[in-house]
PDB file of N, CA and C in Angstrom:
ATOM      1  N   MET A   1      88.671 110.110  74.508  1.00  0.00           N
ATOM      2  CA  MET A   1      87.477 109.042  74.294  1.00  0.00           C
ATOM      3  C   MET A   1      86.911 109.939  75.640  1.00  0.00           C
ATOM      4  N   LEU A   2      85.574 109.486  76.197  1.00  0.00           N
ATOM      5  CA  LEU A   2      84.869 110.115  76.595  1.00  0.00           C
ATOM      6  C   LEU A   2      84.432 109.528  78.018  1.00  0.00           C
ATOM      7  N   ILE A   3      85.233 109.513  79.304  1.00  0.00           N
ATOM      8  CA  ILE A   3      84.391 108.686  80.532  1.00  0.00           C
ATOM      9  C   ILE A   3      84.050 108.935  81.292  1.00  0.00           C
ATOM     10  N   ARG A   4      82.435 108.670  82.232  1.00  0.00           N
ATOM     11  CA  ARG A   4      81.470 109.130  82.566  1.00  0.00           C
ATOM     12  C   ARG A   4      81.817 108.414  83.904  1.00  0.00           C
ATOM     13  N   TYR A   5      81.509 108.638  84.824  1.00  0.00           N
ATOM     14  CA  TYR A   5      82.472 108.542  85.791  1.00  0.00           C
ATOM     15  C   TYR A   5      81.270 109.193  87.227  1.00  0.00           C
ATOM     16  N   SER A   6      81.477 108.881  88.489  1.00  0.00           N
ATOM     17  CA  SER A   6      80.837 108.816  90.306  1.00  0.00           C
ATOM     18  C   SER A   6      81.975 108.916  90.762  1.00  0.00           C
ATOM     19  N   ALA A   7      82.450 110.441  91.620  1.00  0.00           N
ATOM     20  CA  ALA A   7      83.083 109.774  92.680  1.00  0.00           C
ATOM     21  C   ALA A   7      81.562 110.398  93.810  1.00  0.00           C
ATOM     22  N   ASN A   8      82.027 109.345  94.892  1.00  0.00           N
ATOM     23  CA  ASN A   8      81.897 110.534  95.527  1.00  0.00           C
ATOM     24  C   ASN A   8      80.325 110.658  96.007  1.00  0.00           C
ATOM     25  N   THR A   9      79.391 109.777  94.457  1.00  0.00           N
ATOM     26  CA  THR A   9      78.683 109.931  94.413  1.00  0.00           C
ATOM     27  C   THR A   9      78.213 110.972  93.066  1.00  0.00           C
ATOM     28  N   LEU A  10      79.120 112.306  92.941  1.00  0.00           N
ATOM     29  CA  LEU A  10      78.897 113.619  92.463  1.00  0.00           C
ATOM     30  C   LEU A  10      79.174 112.791  91.190  1.00  0.00           C
ATOM     31  N   PRO A  11      78.379 113.572  89.582  1.00  0.00           N
ATOM     32  CA  PRO A  11      78.911 113.221  88.297  1.00  0.00           C
ATOM     33  C   PRO A  11      80.188 114.375  87.267  1.00  0.00           C
ATOM     34  N   GLY A  12      80.923 113.182  87.608  1.00  0.00           N
ATOM     35  CA  GLY A  12      81.373 114.159  86.581  1.00  0.00           C
ATOM     36  C   GLY A  12      81.676 113.015  85.079  1.00  0.00           C
ATOM     37  N   GLN A  13      83.556 113.739  84.733  1.00  0.00           N
ATOM     38  CA  GLN A  13      83.436 113.367  83.052  1.00  0.00           C
ATOM     39  C   GLN A  13      84.437 113.214  83.262  1.00  0.00           C
ATOM     40  N   LEU A  14      85.540 112.275  81.877  1.00  0.00           N
ATOM     41  CA  LEU A  14      87.418 113.122  81.958  1.00  0.00           C
ATOM     42  C   LEU A  14      86.810 112.504  80.629  1.00  0.00           C
ATOM     43  N   VAL A  15      87.537 113.420  79.420  1.00  0.00           N
ATOM     44  CA  VAL A  15      88.022 113.093  78.132  1.00  0.00           C
ATOM     45  C   VAL A  15      89.628 113.124  77.932  1.00  0.00           C
ATOM     46  N   LEU A  16      90.256 112.031  77.525  1.00  0.00           N
ATOM     47  CA  LEU A  16      91.282 111.079  77.072  1.00  0.00           C
ATOM     48  C   LEU A  16      90.919 110.711  75.412  1.00  0.00           C
ATOM     49  N   PRO A  17      92.060 111.061  75.601  1.00  0.00           N
ATOM     50  CA  PRO A  17      93.381 110.126  73.888  1.00  0.00           C
ATOM     51  C   PRO A  17      92.585 108.095  73.489  1.00  0.00           C
ATOM     52  N   GLY A  18      92.104 108.286  72.936  1.00  0.00           N
ATOM     53  CA  GLY A  18      91.363 106.448  73.049  1.00  0.00           C
ATOM     54  C   GLY A  18      91.922 105.508  73.483  1.00  0.00           C
ATOM     55  N   THR A  19      93.682 105.770  72.515  1.00  0.00           N
ATOM     56  CA  THR A  19      95.256 104.981  72.895  1.00  0.00           C
ATOM     57  C   THR A  19      95.616 105.301  74.680  1.00  0.00           C
ATOM     58  N   PHE A  20      95.319 106.261  75.070  1.00  0.00           N
ATOM     59  CA  PHE A  20      95.407 105.843  76.310  1.00  0.00           C
ATOM     60  C   PHE A  20      95.002 105.152  77.376  1.00  0.00           C
ATOM     61  N   VAL A  21      94.005 105.420  77.123  1.00  0.00           N
ATOM     62  CA  VAL A  21      92.908 104.212  77.564  1.00  0.00           C
ATOM     63  C   VAL A  21      92.667 102.722  77.425  1.00  0.00           C
ATOM     64  N   LEU A  22      93.830 102.367  76.403  1.00  0.00           N
ATOM     65  CA  LEU A  22      93.592 100.818  75.661  1.00  0.00           C
ATOM     66  C   LEU A  22      94.921 100.811  76.194  1.00  0.00           C
ATOM     67  N   PHE A  23      95.942 101.435  76.593  1.00  0.00           N
ATOM     68  CA  PHE A  23      97.364 100.923  77.820  1.00  0.00           C
ATOM     69  C   PHE A  23      97.201 101.417  79.487  1.00  0.00           C
ATOM     70  N   CYS A  24      96.141 101.923  79.521  1.00  0.00           N
ATOM     71  CA  CYS A  24      95.945 102.698  81.258  1.00  0.00           C
ATOM     72  C   CYS A  24      94.974 101.163  82.317  1.00  0.00           C
ATOM     73  N   THR A  25      95.794 100.824  83.643  1.00  0.00           N
ATOM     74  CA  THR A  25      94.570  99.812  83.598  1.00  0.00           C
ATOM     75  C   THR A  25      93.293 100.729  84.204  1.00  0.00           C
ATOM     76  N   ASP A  26      92.629  99.910  85.134  1.00  0.00           N
ATOM     77  CA  ASP A  26      90.744 100.527  85.712  1.00  0.00           C
ATOM     78  C   ASP A  26      91.754 100.963  86.272  1.00  0.00           C
ATOM     79  N   GLU A  27      91.924 100.620  87.605  1.00  0.00           N
ATOM     80  CA  GLU A  27      92.166 101.348  88.206  1.00  0.00           C
ATOM     81  C   GLU A  27      92.827 102.882  87.913  1.00  0.00           C
ATOM     82  N   GLY A  28      93.968 102.860  87.057  1.00  0.00           N
ATOM     83  CA  GLY A  28      94.918 104.692  86.653  1.00  0.00           C
ATOM     84  C   GLY A  28      93.858 105.082  86.146  1.00  0.00           C
ATOM     85  N   LEU A  29      92.832 104.458  85.045  1.00  0.00           N
ATOM     86  CA  LEU A  29      91.318 105.590  85.437  1.00  0.00           C
ATOM     87  C   LEU A  29      90.723 105.609  86.241  1.00  0.00           C
ATOM     88  N   ALA A  30      90.754 105.524  87.338  1.00  0.00           N
ATOM     89  CA  ALA A  30      89.528 105.497  88.467  1.00  0.00           C
ATOM     90  C   ALA A  30      90.761 106.580  89.222  1.00  0.00           C
ATOM     91  N   GLU A  31      92.193 105.943  90.056  1.00  0.00           N
ATOM     92  CA  GLU A  31      92.780 107.770  89.658  1.00  0.00           C
ATOM     93  C   GLU A  31      92.467 108.749  88.894  1.00  0.00           C
ATOM     94  N   LEU A  32      92.441 108.970  87.930  1.00  0.00           N
ATOM     95  CA  LEU A  32      93.391 110.105  87.554  1.00  0.00           C
ATOM     96  C   LEU A  32      91.153 110.721  86.926  1.00  0.00           C
ATOM     97  N   ALA A  33      90.440 109.920  87.779  1.00  0.00           N
ATOM     98  CA  ALA A  33      88.650 110.487  87.655  1.00  0.00           C
ATOM     99  C   ALA A  33      88.743 111.058  89.237  1.00  0.00           C
ATOM    100  N   ALA A  34      89.495 110.257  89.949  1.00  0.00           N
ATOM    101  CA  ALA A  34      89.491 111.160  91.398  1.00  0.00           C
ATOM    102  C   ALA A  34      90.099 112.253  91.912  1.00  0.00           C
ATOM    103  N   ALA A  35      91.291 112.200  91.167  1.00  0.00           N
ATOM    104  CA  ALA A  35      91.421 113.052  90.106  1.00  0.00           C
ATOM    105  C   ALA A  35      91.111 114.707  90.023  1.00  0.00           C
ATOM    106  N   GLN A  36      90.504 113.966  88.778  1.00  0.00           N
ATOM    107  CA  GLN A  36      90.195 115.442  88.075  1.00  0.00           C
ATOM    108  C   GLN A  36      88.611 115.401  88.819  1.00  0.00           C
ATOM    109  N   HIS A  37      88.351 114.996  89.712  1.00  0.00           N
ATOM    110  CA  HIS A  37      86.601 115.265  90.790  1.00  0.00           C
ATOM    111  C   HIS A  37      87.399 116.049  91.570  1.00  0.00           C
ATOM    112  N   TRP A  38      88.169 116.053  92.164  1.00  0.00           N
ATOM    113  CA  TRP A  38      88.812 116.883  93.031  1.00  0.00           C
ATOM    114  C   TRP A  38      89.187 118.397  92.871  1.00  0.00           C
ATOM    115  N   ARG A  39      89.677 117.885  91.497  1.00  0.00           N
ATOM    116  CA  ARG A  39      89.889 119.677  91.079  1.00  0.00           C
ATOM    117  C   ARG A  39      89.000 120.284  90.265  1.00  0.00           C
ATOM    118  N   ALA A  40      88.184 119.746  90.208  1.00  0.00           N
ATOM    119  CA  ALA A  40      86.887 120.415  89.835  1.00  0.00           C
ATOM    120  C   ALA A  40      86.002 120.514  91.288  1.00  0.00           C
ATOM    121  N   HIS A  41      86.217 120.220  92.233  1.00  0.00           N
ATOM    122  CA  HIS A  41      86.141 120.767  93.128  1.00  0.00           C
ATOM    123  C   HIS A  41      87.006 122.217  94.323  1.00  0.00           C
ATOM    124  N   PRO A  42      87.808 122.698  93.995  1.00  0.00           N
ATOM    125  CA  PRO A  42      88.803 123.126  94.611  1.00  0.00           C
ATOM    126  C   PRO A  42      89.034 122.963  96.478  1.00  0.00           C
ATOM    127  N   HIS A  43      87.420 124.125  96.507  1.00  0.00           N
ATOM    128  CA  HIS A  43      86.853 124.265  97.477  1.00  0.00           C
ATOM    129  C   HIS A  43      86.069 123.395  99.062  1.00  0.00           C
ATOM    130  N   ASP A  44      86.620 122.021  98.528  1.00  0.00           N
ATOM    131  CA  ASP A  44      86.777 121.983  99.165  1.00  0.00           C
ATOM    132  C   ASP A  44      87.566 120.428  99.507  1.00  0.00           C
ATOM    133  N   THR A  45      87.785 119.600 100.878  1.00  0.00           N
ATOM    134  CA  THR A  45      88.987 118.885 100.573  1.00  0.00           C
ATOM    135  C   THR A  45      89.166 118.175 100.593  1.00  0.00           C
ATOM    136  N   PRO A  46      90.023 117.181 100.119  1.00  0.00           N
ATOM    137  CA  PRO A  46      89.754 115.841  99.157  1.00  0.00           C
ATOM    138  C   PRO A  46      90.191 115.127 100.251  1.00  0.00           C
ATOM    139  N   SER A  47      88.912 114.152 100.456  1.00  0.00           N
ATOM    140  CA  SER A  47      88.778 113.302 101.240  1.00  0.00           C
ATOM    141  C   SER A  47      90.149 111.570 100.931  1.00  0.00           C
ATOM    142  N   HIS A  48      90.677 111.280 102.814  1.00  0.00           N
ATOM    143  CA  HIS A  48      90.834 109.727 102.703  1.00  0.00           C
ATOM    144  C   HIS A  48      90.691 109.214 101.424  1.00  0.00           C
ATOM    145  N   ILE A  49      89.669 108.536 101.478  1.00  0.00           N
ATOM    146  CA  ILE A  49      88.529 107.787 100.479  1.00  0.00           C
ATOM    147  C   ILE A  49      87.975 108.069 100.221  1.00  0.00           C
ATOM    148  N   THR A  50      88.073 108.657  98.298  1.00  0.00           N
ATOM    149  CA  THR A  50      86.709 108.554  97.006  1.00  0.00           C
ATOM    150  C   THR A  50      86.060 107.219  96.685  1.00  0.00           C
ATOM    151  N   VAL A  51      85.655 107.257  96.518  1.00  0.00           N
ATOM    152  CA  VAL A  51      84.671 105.838  95.556  1.00  0.00           C
ATOM    153  C   VAL A  51      84.101 106.628  94.355  1.00  0.00           C
ATOM    154  N   VAL A  52      85.016 106.262  93.525  1.00  0.00           N
ATOM    155  CA  VAL A  52      84.995 105.983  91.852  1.00  0.00           C
ATOM    156  C   VAL A  52      84.337 105.078  91.480  1.00  0.00           C
ATOM    157  N   HIS A  53      82.660 105.339  90.945  1.00  0.00           N
ATOM    158  CA  HIS A  53      81.824 104.372  90.612  1.00  0.00           C
ATOM    159  C   HIS A  53      83.022 104.555  88.613  1.00  0.00           C
ATOM    160  N   LEU A  54      83.619 103.705  88.086  1.00  0.00           N
ATOM    161  CA  LEU A  54      83.185 104.384  86.468  1.00  0.00           C
ATOM    162  C   LEU A  54      82.471 103.780  86.040  1.00  0.00           C
ATOM    163  N   GLN A  55      81.705 104.102  85.404  1.00  0.00           N
ATOM    164  CA  GLN A  55      80.272 104.400  84.900  1.00  0.00           C
ATOM    165  C   GLN A  55      79.744 103.823  83.057  1.00  0.00           C
ATOM    166  N   SER A  56      81.175 104.552  82.171  1.00  0.00           N
ATOM    167  CA  SER A  56      81.217 104.256  81.177  1.00  0.00           C
ATOM    168  C   SER A  56      82.471 104.241  80.628  1.00  0.00           C
ATOM    169  N   VAL A  57      83.213 103.939  79.949  1.00  0.00           N
ATOM    170  CA  VAL A  57      84.761 103.726  79.449  1.00  0.00           C
ATOM    171  C   VAL A  57      84.006 102.555  78.737  1.00  0.00           C
ATOM    172  N   ASP A  58      84.654 103.219  77.381  1.00  0.00           N
ATOM    173  CA  ASP A  58      83.832 102.971  75.874  1.00  0.00           C
ATOM    174  C   ASP A  58      82.863 101.479  75.855  1.00  0.00           C
ATOM    175  N   GLY A  59      81.688 102.442  76.254  1.00  0.00           N
ATOM    176  CA  GLY A  59      80.517 101.956  77.229  1.00  0.00           C
ATOM    177  C   GLY A  59      80.339 100.850  77.484  1.00  0.00           C
ATOM    178  N   LYS A  60      81.485 100.801  78.526  1.00  0.00           N
ATOM    179  CA  LYS A  60      81.007  99.826  79.022  1.00  0.00           C
ATOM    180  C   LYS A  60      81.667 100.322  81.016  1.00  0.00           C
ATOM    181  N   ASP A  61      80.246  99.740  81.914  1.00  0.00           N
ATOM    182  CA  ASP A  61      80.552 100.149  83.633  1.00  0.00           C
ATOM    183  C   ASP A  61      81.847  99.274  84.131  1.00  0.00           C
ATOM    184  N   LEU A  62      82.249  99.915  84.387  1.00  0.00           N
ATOM    185  CA  LEU A  62      83.903  99.552  84.868  1.00  0.00           C
ATOM    186  C   LEU A  62      83.952  98.604  86.743  1.00  0.00           C
ATOM    187  N   GLY A  63      82.702  99.489  87.641  1.00  0.00           N
ATOM    188  CA  GLY A  63      82.638  98.951  88.289  1.00  0.00           C
ATOM    189  C   GLY A  63      82.798 100.325  90.133  1.00  0.00           C
ATOM    190  N   LEU A  64      83.158  99.830  90.656  1.00  0.00           N
ATOM    191  CA  LEU A  64      83.046 100.839  91.583  1.00  0.00           C
ATOM    192  C   LEU A  64      84.736 100.449  91.920  1.00  0.00           C
ATOM    193  N   PHE A  65      86.017 101.535  92.711  1.00  0.00           N
ATOM    194  CA  PHE A  65      86.923 101.742  92.795  1.00  0.00           C
ATOM    195  C   PHE A  65      86.974 102.747  94.262  1.00  0.00           C
ATOM    196  N   GLU A  66      88.190 102.343  95.075  1.00  0.00           N
ATOM    197  CA  GLU A  66      87.883 102.369  96.582  1.00  0.00           C
ATOM    198  C   GLU A  66      89.272 103.838  96.012  1.00  0.00           C
ATOM    199  N   VAL A  67      88.813 104.776  95.931  1.00  0.00           N
ATOM    200  CA  VAL A  67      90.691 105.719  95.332  1.00  0.00           C
ATOM    201  C   VAL A  67      90.972 106.067  97.217  1.00  0.00           C
ATOM    202  N   ARG A  68      92.090 105.922  97.395  1.00  0.00           N
ATOM    203  CA  ARG A  68      92.907 106.328  99.108  1.00  0.00           C
ATOM    204  C   ARG A  68      94.003 107.423  98.418  1.00  0.00           C
ATOM    205  N   CYS A  69      93.570 108.524  99.543  1.00  0.00           N
ATOM    206  CA  CYS A  69      94.326 110.118  98.672  1.00  0.00           C
ATOM    207  C   CYS A  69      96.196 109.640  99.842  1.00  0.00           C
ATOM    208  N   GLU A  70      96.496 109.030  99.184  1.00  0.00           N
ATOM    209  CA  GLU A  70      97.557 108.965 100.840  1.00  0.00           C
ATOM    210  C   GLU A  70      98.539 110.423 101.002  1.00  0.00           C
ATOM    211  N   GLN A  71      98.731 110.531  99.455  1.00  0.00           N
ATOM    212  CA  GLN A  71     100.275 111.776 100.217  1.00  0.00           C
ATOM    213  C   GLN A  71      99.350 112.851  98.588  1.00  0.00           C
ATOM    214  N   GLN A  72      98.971 113.863  99.275  1.00  0.00           N
ATOM    215  CA  GLN A  72      98.873 114.464  97.840  1.00  0.00           C
ATOM    216  C   GLN A  72      99.304 115.311  97.148  1.00  0.00           C
ATOM    217  N   PRO A  73      99.031 115.185  95.435  1.00  0.00           N
ATOM    218  CA  PRO A  73      97.939 114.824  94.820  1.00  0.00           C
ATOM    219  C   PRO A  73      97.972 113.592  94.376  1.00  0.00           C
ATOM    220  N   ILE A  74      98.558 112.625  95.523  1.00  0.00           N
ATOM    221  CA  ILE A  74      98.627 111.291  95.014  1.00  0.00           C
ATOM    222  C   ILE A  74      97.661 109.746  95.067  1.00  0.00           C
ATOM    223  N   TYR A  75      97.569 109.306  94.262  1.00  0.00           N
ATOM    224  CA  TYR A  75      95.934 108.844  94.225  1.00  0.00           C
ATOM    225  C   TYR A  75      95.732 106.933  93.764  1.00  0.00           C
ATOM    226  N   THR A  76      95.438 106.067  94.796  1.00  0.00           N
ATOM    227  CA  THR A  76      95.796 104.834  94.242  1.00  0.00           C
ATOM    228  C   THR A  76      94.383 103.962  94.495  1.00  0.00           C
ATOM    229  N   ALA A  77      94.009 103.345  93.591  1.00  0.00           N
ATOM    230  CA  ALA A  77      93.234 102.583  93.717  1.00  0.00           C
ATOM    231  C   ALA A  77      93.012 101.179  93.732  1.00  0.00           C
ATOM    232  N   THR A  78      91.982 100.894  94.380  1.00  0.00           N
ATOM    233  CA  THR A  78      91.570  98.742  94.087  1.00  0.00           C
ATOM    234  C   THR A  78      90.177  99.067  94.622  1.00  0.00           C
ATOM    235  N   ARG A  79      89.955  97.696  93.011  1.00  0.00           N
ATOM    236  CA  ARG A  79      88.489  97.370  92.880  1.00  0.00           C
ATOM    237  C   ARG A  79      88.303  96.783  93.881  1.00  0.00           C
ATOM    238  N   LEU A  80      86.908  97.080  93.344  1.00  0.00           N
ATOM    239  CA  LEU A  80      85.849  96.325  95.217  1.00  0.00           C
ATOM    240  C   LEU A  80      85.079  96.268  94.395  1.00  0.00           C
ATOM    241  N   HIS A  81      84.528  94.698  95.322  1.00  0.00           N
ATOM    242  CA  HIS A  81      83.858  93.405  94.550  1.00  0.00           C
ATOM    243  C   HIS A  81      82.377  93.497  95.101  1.00  0.00           C
ATOM    244  N   GLN A  82      81.352  93.140  94.340  1.00  0.00           N
ATOM    245  CA  GLN A  82      80.904  93.856  95.140  1.00  0.00           C
ATOM    246  C   GLN A  82      79.754  91.937  95.920  1.00  0.00           C
ATOM    247  N   ALA A  83      78.686  91.950  96.830  1.00  0.00           N
ATOM    248  CA  ALA A  83      78.546  90.704  96.989  1.00  0.00           C
ATOM    249  C   ALA A  83      77.249  90.501  95.961  1.00  0.00           C
TER     250      ALA A  83
END
């Protein structure tokens, strides 16, 4: 399954097996997207907080997540609620 996301406003995509996505939490997908983002930008220093927008997961927009890098390369996501 193709997952389209943006991390700190930069677009990216992630390909995962559909069965994996069925059992993964939205926060887990945001964490994977943040990790993929920083792997794709190895010359940049990972920020303490990465804002991830899961734009298309199985055709659904899952919203924004704040993903914290507490210990590299461990990421923790929290859903952000819009006002």
